[in-house]
């Protein structure tokens, strides 16, 4: 289903990453959240292709799509 995303317990502790790099999907999301543009990311990480970057973002979106968020309040 995802051509560029891989998992390996020996690489990044099993976190999903872009195949052929050591860039985790989490790290890519952190870059985007910090304000980095697509072009900024591709310039800073030339081992990352545009297609792989897009797929990492799609993977992240799909991963959280079915999450259920609970509003848990700590007791006194």
C-alpha atoms as a PDB file:
ATOM      1  CA  UNK A   1       0.000   0.000   0.000  1.00  0.00           C
ATOM      2  CA  UNK A   2       2.809   2.417   0.886  1.00  0.00           C
ATOM      3  CA  UNK A   3       5.739   2.159  -1.459  1.00  0.00           C
ATOM      4  CA  UNK A   4       8.151   4.458   0.391  1.00  0.00           C
ATOM      5  CA  UNK A   5       7.286   3.769   4.036  1.00  0.00           C
ATOM      6  CA  UNK A   6       8.987   0.955   5.886  1.00  0.00           C
ATOM      7  CA  UNK A   7       9.264  -0.485   9.399  1.00  0.00           C
ATOM      8  CA  UNK A   8      12.188  -2.338  10.904  1.00  0.00           C
ATOM      9  CA  UNK A   9      12.745  -2.931  14.610  1.00  0.00           C
ATOM     10  CA  UNK A  10      16.483  -2.445  13.995  1.00  0.00           C
ATOM     11  CA  UNK A  11      15.995   1.021  12.477  1.00  0.00           C
ATOM     12  CA  UNK A  12      14.725   3.919  14.585  1.00  0.00           C
ATOM     13  CA  UNK A  13      13.286   1.526  17.117  1.00  0.00           C
ATOM     14  CA  UNK A  14      10.675   0.283  14.673  1.00  0.00           C
ATOM     15  CA  UNK A  15       9.148   3.692  13.923  1.00  0.00           C
ATOM     16  CA  UNK A  16       7.819   4.121  10.389  1.00  0.00           C
ATOM     17  CA  UNK A  17      10.444   5.778   8.203  1.00  0.00           C
ATOM     18  CA  UNK A  18      11.045   6.646   4.578  1.00  0.00           C
ATOM     19  CA  UNK A  19      12.723   3.684   2.883  1.00  0.00           C
ATOM     20  CA  UNK A  20      16.331   4.385   1.932  1.00  0.00           C
ATOM     21  CA  UNK A  21      16.681   7.075   4.600  1.00  0.00           C
ATOM     22  CA  UNK A  22      16.716   7.290   8.353  1.00  0.00           C
ATOM     23  CA  UNK A  23      13.994   9.928   8.324  1.00  0.00           C
ATOM     24  CA  UNK A  24      11.019   8.919  10.413  1.00  0.00           C
ATOM     25  CA  UNK A  25       7.483   9.912   9.532  1.00  0.00           C
ATOM     26  CA  UNK A  26       7.356  11.505  12.980  1.00  0.00           C
ATOM     27  CA  UNK A  27      10.391  13.685  12.188  1.00  0.00           C
ATOM     28  CA  UNK A  28       8.873  14.803   8.904  1.00  0.00           C
ATOM     29  CA  UNK A  29       5.678  15.798  10.711  1.00  0.00           C
ATOM     30  CA  UNK A  30       7.719  17.752  13.240  1.00  0.00           C
ATOM     31  CA  UNK A  31       9.377  19.652  10.394  1.00  0.00           C
ATOM     32  CA  UNK A  32       5.998  20.525   8.885  1.00  0.00           C
ATOM     33  CA  UNK A  33       4.586  21.489  12.290  1.00  0.00           C
ATOM     34  CA  UNK A  34       7.540  23.816  12.851  1.00  0.00           C
ATOM     35  CA  UNK A  35       6.712  25.675   9.641  1.00  0.00           C
ATOM     36  CA  UNK A  36       9.029  24.013   7.132  1.00  0.00           C
ATOM     37  CA  UNK A  37       7.675  24.004   3.601  1.00  0.00           C
ATOM     38  CA  UNK A  38       7.861  21.095   1.189  1.00  0.00           C
ATOM     39  CA  UNK A  39      10.732  22.828  -0.609  1.00  0.00           C
ATOM     40  CA  UNK A  40      12.559  23.529   2.677  1.00  0.00           C
ATOM     41  CA  UNK A  41      12.403  19.854   3.595  1.00  0.00           C
ATOM     42  CA  UNK A  42      13.506  18.619   0.181  1.00  0.00           C
ATOM     43  CA  UNK A  43      16.454  21.045   0.145  1.00  0.00           C
ATOM     44  CA  UNK A  44      17.556  20.111   3.650  1.00  0.00           C
ATOM     45  CA  UNK A  45      17.219  16.352   3.047  1.00  0.00           C
ATOM     46  CA  UNK A  46      18.242  15.628  -0.563  1.00  0.00           C
ATOM     47  CA  UNK A  47      17.917  11.881   0.037  1.00  0.00           C
ATOM     48  CA  UNK A  48      14.155  12.459   0.307  1.00  0.00           C
ATOM     49  CA  UNK A  49      12.124  12.615  -2.909  1.00  0.00           C
ATOM     50  CA  UNK A  50       8.970  14.623  -3.384  1.00  0.00           C
ATOM     51  CA  UNK A  51       6.917  11.459  -3.784  1.00  0.00           C
ATOM     52  CA  UNK A  52       8.350   9.937  -0.624  1.00  0.00           C
ATOM     53  CA  UNK A  53       7.611  13.129   1.315  1.00  0.00           C
ATOM     54  CA  UNK A  54       4.003  13.170   0.104  1.00  0.00           C
ATOM     55  CA  UNK A  55       3.594   9.523   0.994  1.00  0.00           C
ATOM     56  CA  UNK A  56       4.976  10.088   4.494  1.00  0.00           C
ATOM     57  CA  UNK A  57       2.362  12.783   5.046  1.00  0.00           C
ATOM     58  CA  UNK A  58      -0.387  10.548   3.650  1.00  0.00           C
ATOM     59  CA  UNK A  59       0.769   7.722   5.898  1.00  0.00           C
ATOM     60  CA  UNK A  60       0.609  10.001   8.937  1.00  0.00           C
ATOM     61  CA  UNK A  61      -2.866  11.225   7.997  1.00  0.00           C
ATOM     62  CA  UNK A  62      -4.129   7.686   7.584  1.00  0.00           C
ATOM     63  CA  UNK A  63      -2.510   6.577  10.842  1.00  0.00           C
ATOM     64  CA  UNK A  64      -4.437   9.147  12.870  1.00  0.00           C
ATOM     65  CA  UNK A  65      -7.646   8.941  10.856  1.00  0.00           C
ATOM     66  CA  UNK A  66      -9.197   6.233  12.988  1.00  0.00           C
ATOM     67  CA  UNK A  67      -7.752   7.208  16.344  1.00  0.00           C
ATOM     68  CA  UNK A  68     -10.159   7.852  19.161  1.00  0.00           C
ATOM     69  CA  UNK A  69      -9.196  10.719  21.428  1.00  0.00           C
ATOM     70  CA  UNK A  70     -10.298  10.520  25.033  1.00  0.00           C
ATOM     71  CA  UNK A  71     -10.642  13.506  27.315  1.00  0.00           C
ATOM     72  CA  UNK A  72      -9.280  12.044  30.530  1.00  0.00           C
ATOM     73  CA  UNK A  73      -9.068  14.175  33.622  1.00  0.00           C
ATOM     74  CA  UNK A  74      -6.808  13.159  36.514  1.00  0.00           C
ATOM     75  CA  UNK A  75      -8.564  12.620  39.810  1.00  0.00           C
ATOM     76  CA  UNK A  76      -7.735  14.708  42.855  1.00  0.00           C
END
